[in-house]
Every structure is written in C-alpha cells, then in structure tokens.
Amino acid sequence: AEQRSPRDRAVLHLLAKIHLRMGNLVEAEAALRAFTAIKPKADVSLLLAQIIMLDGRHAEAEQLLAEALLLDPHHGGVLIARGDLRARQGRPAEARADYELARQLDPYRTTTVARNRLAQLEQTRTKP
C-alpha cells in the first residue's frame, strides 16, 4: 500500500503505528513526518512529539506540541503530553497547569489521566 500510495495519509498513519508496535521509532517518526508534510493534524503531531520525547529531544517535542495546540486548542491529550514533558524537565507548576487545563477543556478524554498525573506530582512534591 505504501508503494502504491506514498502520499496517502491513512497509509502513512497506519505504517507509523505498525512501526511503533515493532519498536522501530525511526521509521515511525519518518512516516509521521511524511503525513505532517502533506497536512498537519493534532493527533499526529502529538504522536510524533511522544516519539521524540522518548529520544530526549525535548525542545523539538515542545515545538510539536505547540503546533498541535494551534491545530486543536482543546485537545486534552496534547496538554497531558505537554504536562508530562514539563514534569520531566523539572517544571512541576507548569505541568500541573497543563493537567488542570486538560481536565477543564477535554474532560471526556482526560479526567482520569489528568487526575493520576496530578497525584503523581503531589507524591513527588511530598517525598523527603
């Protein structure tokens, strides 16, 4: 399918998911970048940012998350991911704000995850 339709966004998205399942992060990233070059989508930018975070490229991941929020300002998953990134960077107040905003703007998708992340931040804060 990829050879017959190299610019088919559905094929590229599926290919990226297959590569992810196989642990081929470089190939997954390439497929998602090809998808985004055709037409950006918040979900794809989110997934790409998560892959890049795993590689420790935090500034690039933060930029992708900002782009995803421009595409869909109410996407709670993007806010959760940005909160996760900020927590990893030692920015707990900003992470907390992202989790709270995700819960407020997208409660259907994010309430449970946001609550768990907030609890983790609280545990980290209260540990001696």
C-alpha atoms as a PDB file:
ATOM      1  CA  ALA A   1       0.000   0.000   0.000  1.00  0.00           C
ATOM      2  CA  GLU A   2       2.868   2.363   0.805  1.00  0.00           C
ATOM      3  CA  GLN A   3       4.438   1.878  -2.639  1.00  0.00           C
ATOM      4  CA  ARG A   4       1.128   2.353  -4.439  1.00  0.00           C
ATOM      5  CA  SER A   5       0.061   5.382  -2.380  1.00  0.00           C
ATOM      6  CA  PRO A   6       3.129   7.050  -0.852  1.00  0.00           C
ATOM      7  CA  ARG A   7       1.197  10.261  -0.101  1.00  0.00           C
ATOM      8  CA  ASP A   8      -1.889   8.614   1.363  1.00  0.00           C
ATOM      9  CA  ARG A   9      -2.205   9.966   4.901  1.00  0.00           C
ATOM     10  CA  ALA A  10      -4.169   6.943   6.118  1.00  0.00           C
ATOM     11  CA  VAL A  11      -1.452   4.602   4.862  1.00  0.00           C
ATOM     12  CA  LEU A  12       1.270   6.713   6.460  1.00  0.00           C
ATOM     13  CA  HIS A  13      -0.577   6.815   9.783  1.00  0.00           C
ATOM     14  CA  LEU A  14      -1.100   3.062   9.748  1.00  0.00           C
ATOM     15  CA  LEU A  15       2.524   2.499   8.762  1.00  0.00           C
ATOM     16  CA  ALA A  16       3.668   4.650  11.692  1.00  0.00           C
ATOM     17  CA  LYS A  17       1.531   2.629  14.113  1.00  0.00           C
ATOM     18  CA  ILE A  18       2.931  -0.636  12.740  1.00  0.00           C
ATOM     19  CA  HIS A  19       6.478   0.637  13.163  1.00  0.00           C
ATOM     20  CA  LEU A  20       5.686   1.733  16.707  1.00  0.00           C
ATOM     21  CA  ARG A  21       4.365  -1.700  17.612  1.00  0.00           C
ATOM     22  CA  MET A  22       7.524  -3.224  16.196  1.00  0.00           C
ATOM     23  CA  GLY A  23       9.689  -0.796  18.170  1.00  0.00           C
ATOM     24  CA  ASN A  24      11.006   0.931  15.044  1.00  0.00           C
ATOM     25  CA  LEU A  25      10.877   4.508  16.302  1.00  0.00           C
ATOM     26  CA  VAL A  26      12.987   5.979  13.490  1.00  0.00           C
ATOM     27  CA  GLU A  27      10.677   4.541  10.834  1.00  0.00           C
ATOM     28  CA  ALA A  28       7.573   5.584  12.765  1.00  0.00           C
ATOM     29  CA  GLU A  29       8.925   9.120  13.036  1.00  0.00           C
ATOM     30  CA  ALA A  30       9.631   9.207   9.284  1.00  0.00           C
ATOM     31  CA  ALA A  31       6.099   8.078   8.439  1.00  0.00           C
ATOM     32  CA  LEU A  32       4.559  10.668  10.765  1.00  0.00           C
ATOM     33  CA  ARG A  33       6.752  13.423   9.338  1.00  0.00           C
ATOM     34  CA  ALA A  34       5.631  12.440   5.829  1.00  0.00           C
ATOM     35  CA  PHE A  35       1.996  12.576   7.000  1.00  0.00           C
ATOM     36  CA  THR A  36       2.530  16.016   8.533  1.00  0.00           C
ATOM     37  CA  ALA A  37       4.245  17.322   5.400  1.00  0.00           C
ATOM     38  CA  ILE A  38       1.051  16.602   3.468  1.00  0.00           C
ATOM     39  CA  LYS A  39      -1.326  18.153   6.008  1.00  0.00           C
ATOM     40  CA  PRO A  40      -0.701  18.529   9.755  1.00  0.00           C
ATOM     41  CA  LYS A  41      -3.117  17.016  12.249  1.00  0.00           C
ATOM     42  CA  ALA A  42      -3.064  17.440  16.046  1.00  0.00           C
ATOM     43  CA  ASP A  43      -3.200  13.705  16.806  1.00  0.00           C
ATOM     44  CA  VAL A  44      -0.264  13.007  14.508  1.00  0.00           C
ATOM     45  CA  SER A  45       1.803  15.872  15.915  1.00  0.00           C
ATOM     46  CA  LEU A  46       1.058  14.524  19.397  1.00  0.00           C
ATOM     47  CA  LEU A  47       2.235  11.037  18.499  1.00  0.00           C
ATOM     48  CA  LEU A  48       5.334  12.417  16.814  1.00  0.00           C
ATOM     49  CA  ALA A  49       6.115  14.537  19.883  1.00  0.00           C
ATOM     50  CA  GLN A  50       5.782  11.488  22.139  1.00  0.00           C
ATOM     51  CA  ILE A  51       8.248   9.551  19.987  1.00  0.00           C
ATOM     52  CA  ILE A  52      10.662  12.464  20.038  1.00  0.00           C
ATOM     53  CA  MET A  53      10.345  12.756  23.826  1.00  0.00           C
ATOM     54  CA  LEU A  54      11.452   9.137  24.118  1.00  0.00           C
ATOM     55  CA  ASP A  55      14.591  10.158  22.242  1.00  0.00           C
ATOM     56  CA  GLY A  56      15.215  13.006  24.691  1.00  0.00           C
ATOM     57  CA  ARG A  57      14.686  15.753  22.109  1.00  0.00           C
ATOM     58  CA  HIS A  58      12.594  17.875  24.448  1.00  0.00           C
ATOM     59  CA  ALA A  59      12.804  21.237  22.666  1.00  0.00           C
ATOM     60  CA  GLU A  60      11.631  19.659  19.417  1.00  0.00           C
ATOM     61  CA  ALA A  61       8.833  17.825  21.216  1.00  0.00           C
ATOM     62  CA  GLU A  62       7.701  21.043  22.864  1.00  0.00           C
ATOM     63  CA  GLN A  63       7.547  22.751  19.469  1.00  0.00           C
ATOM     64  CA  LEU A  64       5.458  19.919  18.006  1.00  0.00           C
ATOM     65  CA  LEU A  65       3.068  20.077  20.955  1.00  0.00           C
ATOM     66  CA  ALA A  66       2.700  23.840  20.463  1.00  0.00           C
ATOM     67  CA  GLU A  67       1.889  23.223  16.799  1.00  0.00           C
ATOM     68  CA  ALA A  68      -0.650  20.557  17.785  1.00  0.00           C
ATOM     69  CA  LEU A  69      -2.354  23.006  20.135  1.00  0.00           C
ATOM     70  CA  LEU A  70      -2.602  25.537  17.325  1.00  0.00           C
ATOM     71  CA  LEU A  71      -4.371  22.891  15.248  1.00  0.00           C
ATOM     72  CA  ASP A  72      -6.690  21.875  18.100  1.00  0.00           C
ATOM     73  CA  PRO A  73      -6.566  24.169  21.169  1.00  0.00           C
ATOM     74  CA  HIS A  74      -8.934  21.913  23.139  1.00  0.00           C
ATOM     75  CA  HIS A  75      -7.045  18.641  22.610  1.00  0.00           C
ATOM     76  CA  GLY A  76      -6.585  17.321  26.118  1.00  0.00           C
ATOM     77  CA  GLY A  77      -4.125  14.652  25.044  1.00  0.00           C
ATOM     78  CA  VAL A  78      -1.732  17.308  23.786  1.00  0.00           C
ATOM     79  CA  LEU A  79      -1.984  19.135  27.103  1.00  0.00           C
ATOM     80  CA  ILE A  80      -1.333  15.905  29.010  1.00  0.00           C
ATOM     81  CA  ALA A  81       1.751  15.235  26.879  1.00  0.00           C
ATOM     82  CA  ARG A  82       2.990  18.786  27.385  1.00  0.00           C
ATOM     83  CA  GLY A  83       2.462  18.363  31.117  1.00  0.00           C
ATOM     84  CA  ASP A  84       4.434  15.114  31.007  1.00  0.00           C
ATOM     85  CA  LEU A  85       7.260  16.857  29.176  1.00  0.00           C
ATOM     86  CA  ARG A  86       7.306  19.712  31.656  1.00  0.00           C
ATOM     87  CA  ALA A  87       7.281  17.300  34.583  1.00  0.00           C
ATOM     88  CA  ARG A  88      10.304  15.500  33.095  1.00  0.00           C
ATOM     89  CA  GLN A  89      12.039  18.840  32.733  1.00  0.00           C
ATOM     90  CA  GLY A  90      11.541  19.653  36.411  1.00  0.00           C
ATOM     91  CA  ARG A  91       8.790  22.206  35.793  1.00  0.00           C
ATOM     92  CA  PRO A  92       6.040  20.856  38.092  1.00  0.00           C
ATOM     93  CA  ALA A  93       3.985  24.053  38.342  1.00  0.00           C
ATOM     94  CA  GLU A  94       3.683  24.261  34.564  1.00  0.00           C
ATOM     95  CA  ALA A  95       2.931  20.530  34.352  1.00  0.00           C
ATOM     96  CA  ARG A  96       0.199  20.923  36.966  1.00  0.00           C
ATOM     97  CA  ALA A  97      -1.317  23.819  34.989  1.00  0.00           C
ATOM     98  CA  ASP A  98      -1.349  21.704  31.806  1.00  0.00           C
ATOM     99  CA  TYR A  99      -3.032  18.770  33.553  1.00  0.00           C
ATOM    100  CA  GLU A 100      -5.667  21.065  35.081  1.00  0.00           C
ATOM    101  CA  LEU A 101      -6.315  22.742  31.736  1.00  0.00           C
ATOM    102  CA  ALA A 102      -6.628  19.364  30.008  1.00  0.00           C
ATOM    103  CA  ARG A 103      -9.195  18.280  32.570  1.00  0.00           C
ATOM    104  CA  GLN A 104     -11.106  21.523  32.124  1.00  0.00           C
ATOM    105  CA  LEU A 105     -11.076  21.686  28.311  1.00  0.00           C
ATOM    106  CA  ASP A 106     -11.368  17.990  27.456  1.00  0.00           C
ATOM    107  CA  PRO A 107     -12.871  16.192  30.458  1.00  0.00           C
ATOM    108  CA  TYR A 108     -14.204  13.242  28.492  1.00  0.00           C
ATOM    109  CA  ARG A 109     -10.777  12.162  27.267  1.00  0.00           C
ATOM    110  CA  THR A 110      -8.519  13.359  30.059  1.00  0.00           C
ATOM    111  CA  THR A 111     -10.126  13.435  33.505  1.00  0.00           C
ATOM    112  CA  THR A 112      -8.715  10.131  34.756  1.00  0.00           C
ATOM    113  CA  VAL A 113      -5.266  10.602  33.255  1.00  0.00           C
ATOM    114  CA  ALA A 114      -5.036  14.194  34.494  1.00  0.00           C
ATOM    115  CA  ARG A 115      -6.093  13.153  37.996  1.00  0.00           C
ATOM    116  CA  ASN A 116      -3.433  10.421  38.052  1.00  0.00           C
ATOM    117  CA  ARG A 117      -0.711  12.771  36.804  1.00  0.00           C
ATOM    118  CA  LEU A 118      -1.657  15.386  39.395  1.00  0.00           C
ATOM    119  CA  ALA A 119      -1.469  12.738  42.114  1.00  0.00           C
ATOM    120  CA  GLN A 120       1.988  11.700  40.876  1.00  0.00           C
ATOM    121  CA  LEU A 121       3.163  15.309  41.012  1.00  0.00           C
ATOM    122  CA  GLU A 122       1.835  15.611  44.549  1.00  0.00           C
ATOM    123  CA  GLN A 123       3.627  12.418  45.616  1.00  0.00           C
ATOM    124  CA  THR A 124       6.863  13.689  44.121  1.00  0.00           C
ATOM    125  CA  ARG A 125       6.441  17.025  45.886  1.00  0.00           C
ATOM    126  CA  THR A 126       5.814  15.483  49.298  1.00  0.00           C
ATOM    127  CA  LYS A 127       8.639  12.930  49.192  1.00  0.00           C
ATOM    128  CA  PRO A 128      11.510  13.842  51.529  1.00  0.00           C
END
